[in-house]
Amino acid sequence: MNERVKELRKTLGLTLDKFGERLGVTKQTVSRIENGINNVTDQMFKSICREFNVNENWLRTGEGEMFVPAS
């Protein structure tokens, strides 16, 4: 999941700072997740999906589309 967090951030064109800011965490926290030092907590997982309209299945498994289609 850590690689997908980085892939998502790069796709969105956000810096570690801006990505973390939208999730209410520091850029160090985002960096540690991307580098596999910290795991994504359930709360962080939910925040990422909600804030960036991300497909939960993609974030968990890498399968399917990155984003939830707009309805």
N, C-alpha and C. Protein backbone atom coordinates (compact mmCIF):
# COMPACT_ATOMS: atom_id res chain seq x y z
N MET A 1 0.83 -1.20 0.00
CA MET A 1 0.00 0.00 0.00
C MET A 1 0.87 1.26 0.00
N ASN A 2 2.04 1.17 0.58
CA ASN A 2 2.92 2.34 0.70
C ASN A 2 3.28 2.92 -0.67
N GLU A 3 3.57 2.02 -1.65
CA GLU A 3 3.93 2.49 -2.99
C GLU A 3 2.75 3.19 -3.63
N ARG A 4 1.54 2.69 -3.35
CA ARG A 4 0.34 3.30 -3.95
C ARG A 4 0.07 4.68 -3.37
N VAL A 5 0.40 4.89 -2.11
CA VAL A 5 0.24 6.23 -1.52
C VAL A 5 1.15 7.21 -2.28
N LYS A 6 2.37 6.78 -2.55
CA LYS A 6 3.32 7.64 -3.29
C LYS A 6 2.83 7.87 -4.72
N GLU A 7 2.37 6.80 -5.35
CA GLU A 7 1.84 6.91 -6.72
C GLU A 7 0.66 7.88 -6.77
N LEU A 8 -0.22 7.79 -5.79
CA LEU A 8 -1.37 8.68 -5.71
C LEU A 8 -0.92 10.13 -5.56
N ARG A 9 -0.01 10.36 -4.64
CA ARG A 9 0.47 11.73 -4.38
C ARG A 9 1.09 12.32 -5.64
N LYS A 10 1.90 11.51 -6.35
CA LYS A 10 2.55 12.00 -7.58
C LYS A 10 1.50 12.26 -8.66
N THR A 11 0.51 11.37 -8.78
CA THR A 11 -0.56 11.54 -9.78
C THR A 11 -1.32 12.84 -9.52
N LEU A 12 -1.54 13.15 -8.25
CA LEU A 12 -2.26 14.37 -7.88
C LEU A 12 -1.37 15.61 -8.00
N GLY A 13 -0.07 15.40 -8.17
CA GLY A 13 0.86 16.52 -8.30
C GLY A 13 1.06 17.28 -7.00
N LEU A 14 0.96 16.56 -5.87
CA LEU A 14 1.10 17.21 -4.57
C LEU A 14 2.47 16.92 -3.94
N THR A 15 2.99 17.90 -3.23
CA THR A 15 4.21 17.71 -2.47
C THR A 15 3.87 16.91 -1.21
N LEU A 16 4.88 16.41 -0.53
CA LEU A 16 4.66 15.73 0.76
C LEU A 16 3.91 16.67 1.70
N ASP A 17 4.31 17.93 1.69
CA ASP A 17 3.69 18.95 2.54
C ASP A 17 2.20 19.10 2.27
N LYS A 18 1.86 19.31 0.99
CA LYS A 18 0.47 19.57 0.60
C LYS A 18 -0.40 18.34 0.82
N PHE A 19 0.13 17.17 0.51
CA PHE A 19 -0.62 15.92 0.69
C PHE A 19 -0.91 15.72 2.18
N GLY A 20 0.11 15.88 3.00
CA GLY A 20 -0.05 15.74 4.45
C GLY A 20 -1.00 16.77 5.03
N GLU A 21 -0.89 18.00 4.53
CA GLU A 21 -1.74 19.09 5.01
C GLU A 21 -3.22 18.73 4.83
N ARG A 22 -3.56 18.17 3.68
CA ARG A 22 -4.97 17.82 3.41
C ARG A 22 -5.44 16.66 4.27
N LEU A 23 -4.50 15.87 4.79
CA LEU A 23 -4.86 14.73 5.64
C LEU A 23 -4.67 15.03 7.13
N GLY A 24 -4.12 16.20 7.42
CA GLY A 24 -3.92 16.58 8.81
C GLY A 24 -2.72 15.92 9.47
N VAL A 25 -1.71 15.58 8.63
CA VAL A 25 -0.48 14.99 9.17
C VAL A 25 0.72 15.75 8.61
N THR A 26 1.88 15.51 9.18
CA THR A 26 3.09 16.21 8.73
C THR A 26 3.67 15.54 7.48
N LYS A 27 4.54 16.29 6.80
CA LYS A 27 5.19 15.71 5.62
C LYS A 27 6.08 14.54 6.03
N GLN A 28 6.62 14.57 7.25
CA GLN A 28 7.44 13.45 7.73
C GLN A 28 6.60 12.18 7.83
N THR A 29 5.37 12.32 8.28
CA THR A 29 4.47 11.16 8.38
C THR A 29 4.22 10.57 7.00
N VAL A 30 3.93 11.43 6.03
CA VAL A 30 3.69 10.96 4.66
C VAL A 30 4.94 10.27 4.12
N SER A 31 6.09 10.88 4.33
CA SER A 31 7.35 10.31 3.87
C SER A 31 7.60 8.94 4.48
N ARG A 32 7.33 8.82 5.77
CA ARG A 32 7.56 7.54 6.47
C ARG A 32 6.61 6.45 5.95
N ILE A 33 5.40 6.85 5.59
CA ILE A 33 4.45 5.88 5.00
C ILE A 33 4.95 5.45 3.62
N GLU A 34 5.33 6.42 2.81
CA GLU A 34 5.80 6.11 1.46
C GLU A 34 7.04 5.23 1.46
N ASN A 35 7.88 5.40 2.46
CA ASN A 35 9.13 4.63 2.55
C ASN A 35 8.98 3.33 3.33
N GLY A 36 7.75 3.02 3.75
CA GLY A 36 7.52 1.75 4.42
C GLY A 36 7.94 1.71 5.87
N ILE A 37 8.26 2.86 6.45
CA ILE A 37 8.66 2.92 7.86
C ILE A 37 7.40 2.83 8.73
N ASN A 38 6.37 3.60 8.34
CA ASN A 38 5.08 3.56 9.05
C ASN A 38 4.06 2.87 8.16
N ASN A 39 3.12 2.17 8.77
CA ASN A 39 2.02 1.60 8.03
C ASN A 39 0.87 2.59 7.98
N VAL A 40 -0.01 2.40 7.00
CA VAL A 40 -1.20 3.25 6.89
C VAL A 40 -2.21 2.76 7.92
N THR A 41 -2.60 3.64 8.81
CA THR A 41 -3.60 3.27 9.83
C THR A 41 -4.98 3.25 9.17
N ASP A 42 -5.94 2.62 9.84
CA ASP A 42 -7.31 2.61 9.31
C ASP A 42 -7.83 4.02 9.13
N GLN A 43 -7.53 4.88 10.09
CA GLN A 43 -7.99 6.27 10.02
C GLN A 43 -7.38 6.97 8.81
N MET A 44 -6.09 6.77 8.58
CA MET A 44 -5.40 7.38 7.44
C MET A 44 -5.97 6.85 6.13
N PHE A 45 -6.22 5.55 6.10
CA PHE A 45 -6.78 4.90 4.91
C PHE A 45 -8.12 5.56 4.54
N LYS A 46 -8.97 5.71 5.54
CA LYS A 46 -10.30 6.33 5.32
C LYS A 46 -10.14 7.78 4.87
N SER A 47 -9.22 8.50 5.50
CA SER A 47 -8.99 9.91 5.15
C SER A 47 -8.53 10.05 3.71
N ILE A 48 -7.61 9.19 3.28
CA ILE A 48 -7.09 9.24 1.91
C ILE A 48 -8.23 9.00 0.92
N CYS A 49 -9.01 7.96 1.16
CA CYS A 49 -10.11 7.63 0.26
C CYS A 49 -11.13 8.76 0.19
N ARG A 50 -11.47 9.33 1.34
CA ARG A 50 -12.48 10.39 1.39
C ARG A 50 -11.94 11.69 0.78
N GLU A 51 -10.76 12.09 1.18
CA GLU A 51 -10.21 13.38 0.75
C GLU A 51 -9.90 13.43 -0.74
N PHE A 52 -9.40 12.32 -1.29
CA PHE A 52 -8.96 12.33 -2.68
C PHE A 52 -9.84 11.50 -3.61
N ASN A 53 -11.02 11.03 -3.09
CA ASN A 53 -11.95 10.25 -3.90
C ASN A 53 -11.28 9.00 -4.50
N VAL A 54 -10.53 8.30 -3.65
CA VAL A 54 -9.76 7.14 -4.09
C VAL A 54 -10.57 5.86 -3.89
N ASN A 55 -10.43 4.96 -4.85
CA ASN A 55 -11.05 3.64 -4.80
C ASN A 55 -10.38 2.82 -3.69
N GLU A 56 -11.16 2.42 -2.68
CA GLU A 56 -10.61 1.65 -1.55
C GLU A 56 -9.91 0.38 -2.00
N ASN A 57 -10.51 -0.32 -2.97
CA ASN A 57 -9.93 -1.57 -3.45
C ASN A 57 -8.56 -1.34 -4.08
N TRP A 58 -8.45 -0.26 -4.86
CA TRP A 58 -7.16 0.06 -5.47
C TRP A 58 -6.11 0.36 -4.41
N LEU A 59 -6.48 1.14 -3.42
CA LEU A 59 -5.51 1.52 -2.38
C LEU A 59 -5.06 0.29 -1.59
N ARG A 60 -5.98 -0.62 -1.30
CA ARG A 60 -5.65 -1.84 -0.54
C ARG A 60 -4.87 -2.86 -1.35
N THR A 61 -5.31 -3.08 -2.62
CA THR A 61 -4.78 -4.22 -3.39
C THR A 61 -4.06 -3.84 -4.68
N GLY A 62 -4.29 -2.62 -5.17
CA GLY A 62 -3.71 -2.23 -6.45
C GLY A 62 -4.59 -2.62 -7.62
N GLU A 63 -5.76 -3.20 -7.34
CA GLU A 63 -6.66 -3.64 -8.41
C GLU A 63 -7.73 -2.59 -8.66
N GLY A 64 -8.14 -2.49 -9.93
CA GLY A 64 -9.19 -1.54 -10.29
C GLY A 64 -8.63 -0.17 -10.59
N GLU A 65 -9.53 0.78 -10.70
CA GLU A 65 -9.16 2.16 -11.01
C GLU A 65 -8.66 2.87 -9.75
N MET A 66 -7.77 3.84 -9.94
CA MET A 66 -7.24 4.59 -8.81
C MET A 66 -8.33 5.43 -8.14
N PHE A 67 -9.16 6.06 -8.97
CA PHE A 67 -10.18 6.95 -8.42
C PHE A 67 -11.58 6.38 -8.61
N VAL A 68 -12.46 6.76 -7.70
CA VAL A 68 -13.87 6.39 -7.80
C VAL A 68 -14.47 7.26 -8.90
N PRO A 69 -15.18 6.65 -9.86
CA PRO A 69 -15.77 7.47 -10.93
C PRO A 69 -16.78 8.47 -10.36
N ALA A 70 -16.79 9.65 -10.91
CA ALA A 70 -17.75 10.67 -10.46
C ALA A 70 -19.14 10.24 -10.88
N SER A 71 -20.09 10.36 -9.96
CA SER A 71 -21.46 9.92 -10.29
C SER A 71 -22.31 11.06 -10.81
